[in-house]
Amino acid sequence: MDLFADDARSNSGNRDGIHRDYDDLFRLTNARDIEFHDFEWELDGNHGTGRGTYVARVLPAGRSSEDLHLGSVRLSVVKSNGRARIRELFHRTD
């Protein structure tokens, strides 16, 4: 969770929702992989916003075949105390 800013937001809400999502992802899957494509960044001082697409592959626990998810993503980061941290992570599945 150190990757996320204190005021981080996502499709699931605030940091608590993000924590629940990642807890479920790692608890309920045996493998996961994500690729980002066609990212374009807009930078403004210590902030940056990137938009692009993603391909996610997830192997649910107890299964032998993976699920494939495609969609778009918007990622906003802020640099604070010499570190980049995620402030927003929103995605839409196509």
N, C-alpha and C. Protein backbone atom coordinates (compact mmCIF):
# COMPACT_ATOMS: atom_id res chain seq x y z
N MET A 1 0.81 -1.20 0.00
CA MET A 1 0.00 0.00 0.00
C MET A 1 0.86 1.26 0.00
N ASP A 2 2.16 1.11 0.17
CA ASP A 2 3.03 2.28 0.15
C ASP A 2 3.08 2.95 -1.22
N LEU A 3 2.63 2.26 -2.26
CA LEU A 3 2.59 2.86 -3.59
C LEU A 3 1.52 3.93 -3.71
N PHE A 4 0.56 3.91 -2.79
CA PHE A 4 -0.59 4.80 -2.88
C PHE A 4 -0.48 5.98 -1.91
N ALA A 5 -0.88 7.15 -2.39
CA ALA A 5 -0.92 8.35 -1.56
C ALA A 5 -1.99 8.19 -0.48
N ASP A 6 -1.87 8.96 0.58
CA ASP A 6 -2.85 8.88 1.67
C ASP A 6 -4.27 9.18 1.20
N ASP A 7 -4.40 10.06 0.20
CA ASP A 7 -5.73 10.43 -0.31
C ASP A 7 -6.08 9.70 -1.61
N ALA A 8 -5.48 8.54 -1.83
CA ALA A 8 -5.69 7.79 -3.07
C ALA A 8 -7.16 7.41 -3.26
N ARG A 9 -7.56 7.37 -4.54
CA ARG A 9 -8.92 6.97 -4.91
C ARG A 9 -8.86 6.02 -6.09
N SER A 10 -9.87 5.17 -6.18
CA SER A 10 -9.97 4.23 -7.30
C SER A 10 -11.44 3.91 -7.54
N ASN A 11 -11.70 2.99 -8.44
CA ASN A 11 -13.07 2.54 -8.68
C ASN A 11 -13.72 2.05 -7.39
N SER A 12 -12.92 1.57 -6.46
CA SER A 12 -13.43 1.01 -5.21
C SER A 12 -13.51 2.03 -4.08
N GLY A 13 -13.21 3.27 -4.37
CA GLY A 13 -13.29 4.30 -3.34
C GLY A 13 -11.92 4.76 -2.88
N ASN A 14 -11.73 4.79 -1.56
CA ASN A 14 -10.49 5.31 -0.98
C ASN A 14 -9.49 4.19 -0.72
N ARG A 15 -8.47 4.47 0.10
CA ARG A 15 -7.42 3.46 0.37
C ARG A 15 -7.98 2.17 0.97
N ASP A 16 -9.04 2.27 1.76
CA ASP A 16 -9.64 1.05 2.32
C ASP A 16 -10.18 0.15 1.21
N GLY A 17 -10.86 0.75 0.23
CA GLY A 17 -11.37 -0.02 -0.90
C GLY A 17 -10.25 -0.59 -1.74
N ILE A 18 -9.20 0.18 -1.94
CA ILE A 18 -8.03 -0.30 -2.70
C ILE A 18 -7.41 -1.48 -1.96
N HIS A 19 -7.26 -1.37 -0.66
CA HIS A 19 -6.68 -2.46 0.14
C HIS A 19 -7.52 -3.73 0.01
N ARG A 20 -8.85 -3.60 0.10
CA ARG A 20 -9.72 -4.78 -0.05
C ARG A 20 -9.55 -5.42 -1.43
N ASP A 21 -9.49 -4.59 -2.48
CA ASP A 21 -9.32 -5.13 -3.84
C ASP A 21 -8.03 -5.93 -3.97
N TYR A 22 -6.93 -5.37 -3.49
CA TYR A 22 -5.65 -6.06 -3.61
C TYR A 22 -5.58 -7.28 -2.70
N ASP A 23 -6.19 -7.20 -1.53
CA ASP A 23 -6.24 -8.36 -0.65
C ASP A 23 -6.99 -9.50 -1.34
N ASP A 24 -8.14 -9.20 -1.93
CA ASP A 24 -8.90 -10.23 -2.66
C ASP A 24 -8.10 -10.78 -3.84
N LEU A 25 -7.47 -9.90 -4.60
CA LEU A 25 -6.71 -10.32 -5.77
C LEU A 25 -5.63 -11.34 -5.38
N PHE A 26 -4.85 -11.05 -4.36
CA PHE A 26 -3.75 -11.93 -3.99
C PHE A 26 -4.22 -13.16 -3.20
N ARG A 27 -5.33 -13.04 -2.51
CA ARG A 27 -5.84 -14.16 -1.73
C ARG A 27 -6.59 -15.18 -2.61
N LEU A 28 -7.27 -14.69 -3.66
CA LEU A 28 -8.14 -15.55 -4.46
C LEU A 28 -7.54 -15.98 -5.80
N THR A 29 -6.30 -15.61 -6.06
CA THR A 29 -5.67 -15.99 -7.33
C THR A 29 -4.31 -16.62 -7.09
N ASN A 30 -3.91 -17.47 -8.03
CA ASN A 30 -2.59 -18.09 -7.96
C ASN A 30 -1.56 -17.34 -8.79
N ALA A 31 -2.01 -16.61 -9.78
CA ALA A 31 -1.10 -15.85 -10.64
C ALA A 31 -1.86 -14.67 -11.24
N ARG A 32 -1.12 -13.60 -11.50
CA ARG A 32 -1.71 -12.41 -12.11
C ARG A 32 -0.63 -11.64 -12.85
N ASP A 33 -1.02 -11.01 -13.96
CA ASP A 33 -0.08 -10.26 -14.79
C ASP A 33 -0.86 -9.13 -15.45
N ILE A 34 -0.24 -7.97 -15.54
CA ILE A 34 -0.88 -6.85 -16.22
C ILE A 34 0.13 -6.16 -17.12
N GLU A 35 -0.32 -5.80 -18.31
CA GLU A 35 0.49 -5.05 -19.26
C GLU A 35 -0.25 -3.76 -19.58
N PHE A 36 0.50 -2.66 -19.61
CA PHE A 36 -0.06 -1.37 -20.00
C PHE A 36 0.43 -1.03 -21.39
N HIS A 37 -0.46 -0.44 -22.19
CA HIS A 37 -0.13 -0.10 -23.58
C HIS A 37 -0.60 1.32 -23.90
N ASP A 38 0.09 1.91 -24.87
CA ASP A 38 -0.33 3.20 -25.46
C ASP A 38 -0.55 4.28 -24.40
N PHE A 39 0.32 4.32 -23.40
CA PHE A 39 0.19 5.32 -22.35
C PHE A 39 0.66 6.68 -22.85
N GLU A 40 -0.13 7.70 -22.55
CA GLU A 40 0.24 9.09 -22.81
C GLU A 40 0.15 9.83 -21.48
N TRP A 41 1.22 10.59 -21.18
CA TRP A 41 1.32 11.29 -19.90
C TRP A 41 1.19 12.80 -20.08
N GLU A 42 0.52 13.42 -19.13
CA GLU A 42 0.47 14.88 -19.01
C GLU A 42 1.12 15.21 -17.67
N LEU A 43 2.15 16.04 -17.70
CA LEU A 43 2.88 16.40 -16.49
C LEU A 43 2.61 17.84 -16.11
N ASP A 44 2.46 18.11 -14.82
CA ASP A 44 2.21 19.45 -14.32
C ASP A 44 2.88 19.56 -12.95
N GLY A 45 4.10 20.07 -12.92
CA GLY A 45 4.83 20.18 -11.65
C GLY A 45 5.10 18.82 -11.05
N ASN A 46 4.63 18.62 -9.83
CA ASN A 46 4.83 17.35 -9.13
C ASN A 46 3.72 16.34 -9.38
N HIS A 47 2.85 16.61 -10.36
CA HIS A 47 1.73 15.72 -10.66
C HIS A 47 1.85 15.22 -12.09
N GLY A 48 1.35 14.03 -12.32
CA GLY A 48 1.28 13.48 -13.66
C GLY A 48 0.05 12.61 -13.80
N THR A 49 -0.55 12.65 -14.99
CA THR A 49 -1.71 11.81 -15.28
C THR A 49 -1.44 11.06 -16.56
N GLY A 50 -1.59 9.75 -16.50
CA GLY A 50 -1.39 8.90 -17.67
C GLY A 50 -2.67 8.19 -18.03
N ARG A 51 -2.88 8.05 -19.34
CA ARG A 51 -4.04 7.33 -19.85
C ARG A 51 -3.57 6.32 -20.88
N GLY A 52 -4.18 5.14 -20.85
CA GLY A 52 -3.82 4.11 -21.81
C GLY A 52 -4.76 2.92 -21.71
N THR A 53 -4.27 1.80 -22.18
CA THR A 53 -5.05 0.57 -22.14
C THR A 53 -4.29 -0.48 -21.34
N TYR A 54 -4.99 -1.52 -20.96
CA TYR A 54 -4.35 -2.61 -20.22
C TYR A 54 -4.87 -3.96 -20.69
N VAL A 55 -4.04 -4.96 -20.47
CA VAL A 55 -4.40 -6.36 -20.65
C VAL A 55 -4.00 -7.05 -19.35
N ALA A 56 -4.98 -7.64 -18.66
CA ALA A 56 -4.71 -8.33 -17.41
C ALA A 56 -5.05 -9.81 -17.56
N ARG A 57 -4.16 -10.63 -17.06
CA ARG A 57 -4.37 -12.08 -17.04
C ARG A 57 -4.35 -12.53 -15.59
N VAL A 58 -5.39 -13.25 -15.20
CA VAL A 58 -5.54 -13.67 -13.81
C VAL A 58 -5.88 -15.16 -13.78
N LEU A 59 -5.16 -15.91 -12.95
CA LEU A 59 -5.44 -17.33 -12.76
C LEU A 59 -6.10 -17.50 -11.40
N PRO A 60 -7.43 -17.66 -11.38
CA PRO A 60 -8.11 -17.85 -10.10
C PRO A 60 -7.65 -19.13 -9.41
N ALA A 61 -7.63 -19.10 -8.09
CA ALA A 61 -7.24 -20.28 -7.31
C ALA A 61 -8.15 -21.45 -7.67
N GLY A 62 -7.54 -22.63 -7.82
CA GLY A 62 -8.30 -23.83 -8.11
C GLY A 62 -8.67 -24.03 -9.57
N ARG A 63 -8.21 -23.14 -10.45
CA ARG A 63 -8.52 -23.27 -11.87
C ARG A 63 -7.25 -23.47 -12.66
N SER A 64 -7.39 -24.08 -13.84
CA SER A 64 -6.23 -24.32 -14.69
C SER A 64 -6.14 -23.36 -15.87
N SER A 65 -7.19 -22.56 -16.08
CA SER A 65 -7.15 -21.59 -17.18
C SER A 65 -7.33 -20.18 -16.62
N GLU A 66 -6.67 -19.24 -17.27
CA GLU A 66 -6.69 -17.86 -16.79
C GLU A 66 -7.84 -17.07 -17.40
N ASP A 67 -8.23 -16.02 -16.72
CA ASP A 67 -9.21 -15.06 -17.22
C ASP A 67 -8.44 -13.91 -17.86
N LEU A 68 -8.99 -13.37 -18.94
CA LEU A 68 -8.38 -12.26 -19.66
C LEU A 68 -9.29 -11.05 -19.54
N HIS A 69 -8.71 -9.91 -19.15
CA HIS A 69 -9.46 -8.66 -19.00
C HIS A 69 -8.77 -7.58 -19.82
N LEU A 70 -9.54 -6.85 -20.62
CA LEU A 70 -9.02 -5.76 -21.45
C LEU A 70 -9.77 -4.50 -21.08
N GLY A 71 -9.09 -3.35 -21.14
CA GLY A 71 -9.79 -2.12 -20.85
C GLY A 71 -8.91 -0.90 -20.93
N SER A 72 -9.42 0.19 -20.38
CA SER A 72 -8.69 1.45 -20.36
C SER A 72 -8.40 1.82 -18.91
N VAL A 73 -7.37 2.64 -18.73
CA VAL A 73 -6.95 3.00 -17.38
C VAL A 73 -6.49 4.46 -17.35
N ARG A 74 -6.78 5.11 -16.21
CA ARG A 74 -6.25 6.45 -15.95
C ARG A 74 -5.53 6.38 -14.61
N LEU A 75 -4.28 6.83 -14.62
CA LEU A 75 -3.41 6.75 -13.45
C LEU A 75 -2.86 8.15 -13.18
N SER A 76 -3.09 8.65 -11.96
CA SER A 76 -2.53 9.94 -11.56
C SER A 76 -1.52 9.71 -10.45
N VAL A 77 -0.37 10.34 -10.57
CA VAL A 77 0.67 10.20 -9.56
C VAL A 77 1.08 11.57 -9.05
N VAL A 78 1.59 11.60 -7.83
CA VAL A 78 2.10 12.82 -7.23
C VAL A 78 3.45 12.50 -6.62
N LYS A 79 4.39 13.43 -6.78
CA LYS A 79 5.71 13.26 -6.18
C LYS A 79 5.72 14.00 -4.85
N SER A 80 6.06 13.26 -3.80
CA SER A 80 6.08 13.83 -2.46
C SER A 80 7.26 13.23 -1.70
N ASN A 81 8.05 14.08 -1.09
CA ASN A 81 9.23 13.63 -0.34
C ASN A 81 10.13 12.73 -1.18
N GLY A 82 10.29 13.10 -2.45
CA GLY A 82 11.19 12.38 -3.34
C GLY A 82 10.65 11.08 -3.91
N ARG A 83 9.38 10.76 -3.65
CA ARG A 83 8.77 9.52 -4.12
C ARG A 83 7.53 9.79 -4.94
N ALA A 84 7.33 9.01 -5.98
CA ALA A 84 6.09 9.06 -6.73
C ALA A 84 5.10 8.09 -6.09
N ARG A 85 3.89 8.59 -5.84
CA ARG A 85 2.84 7.75 -5.24
C ARG A 85 1.56 7.90 -6.06
N ILE A 86 0.81 6.82 -6.14
CA ILE A 86 -0.42 6.81 -6.92
C ILE A 86 -1.52 7.54 -6.15
N ARG A 87 -2.12 8.53 -6.81
CA ARG A 87 -3.22 9.27 -6.20
C ARG A 87 -4.57 8.79 -6.74
N GLU A 88 -4.61 8.44 -8.03
CA GLU A 88 -5.84 7.93 -8.63
C GLU A 88 -5.51 6.76 -9.55
N LEU A 89 -6.35 5.74 -9.50
CA LEU A 89 -6.22 4.59 -10.38
C LEU A 89 -7.63 4.13 -10.75
N PHE A 90 -8.08 4.56 -11.91
CA PHE A 90 -9.42 4.23 -12.38
C PHE A 90 -9.30 3.41 -13.65
N HIS A 91 -10.13 2.38 -13.75
CA HIS A 91 -10.12 1.55 -14.95
C HIS A 91 -11.53 1.24 -15.41
N ARG A 92 -11.63 0.89 -16.67
CA ARG A 92 -12.91 0.47 -17.26
C ARG A 92 -12.61 -0.77 -18.09
N THR A 93 -13.38 -1.80 -17.87
CA THR A 93 -13.22 -3.04 -18.64
C THR A 93 -14.04 -2.93 -19.92
N ASP A 94 -13.42 -3.27 -21.03
CA ASP A 94 -14.14 -3.23 -22.32
C ASP A 94 -14.96 -4.47 -22.54
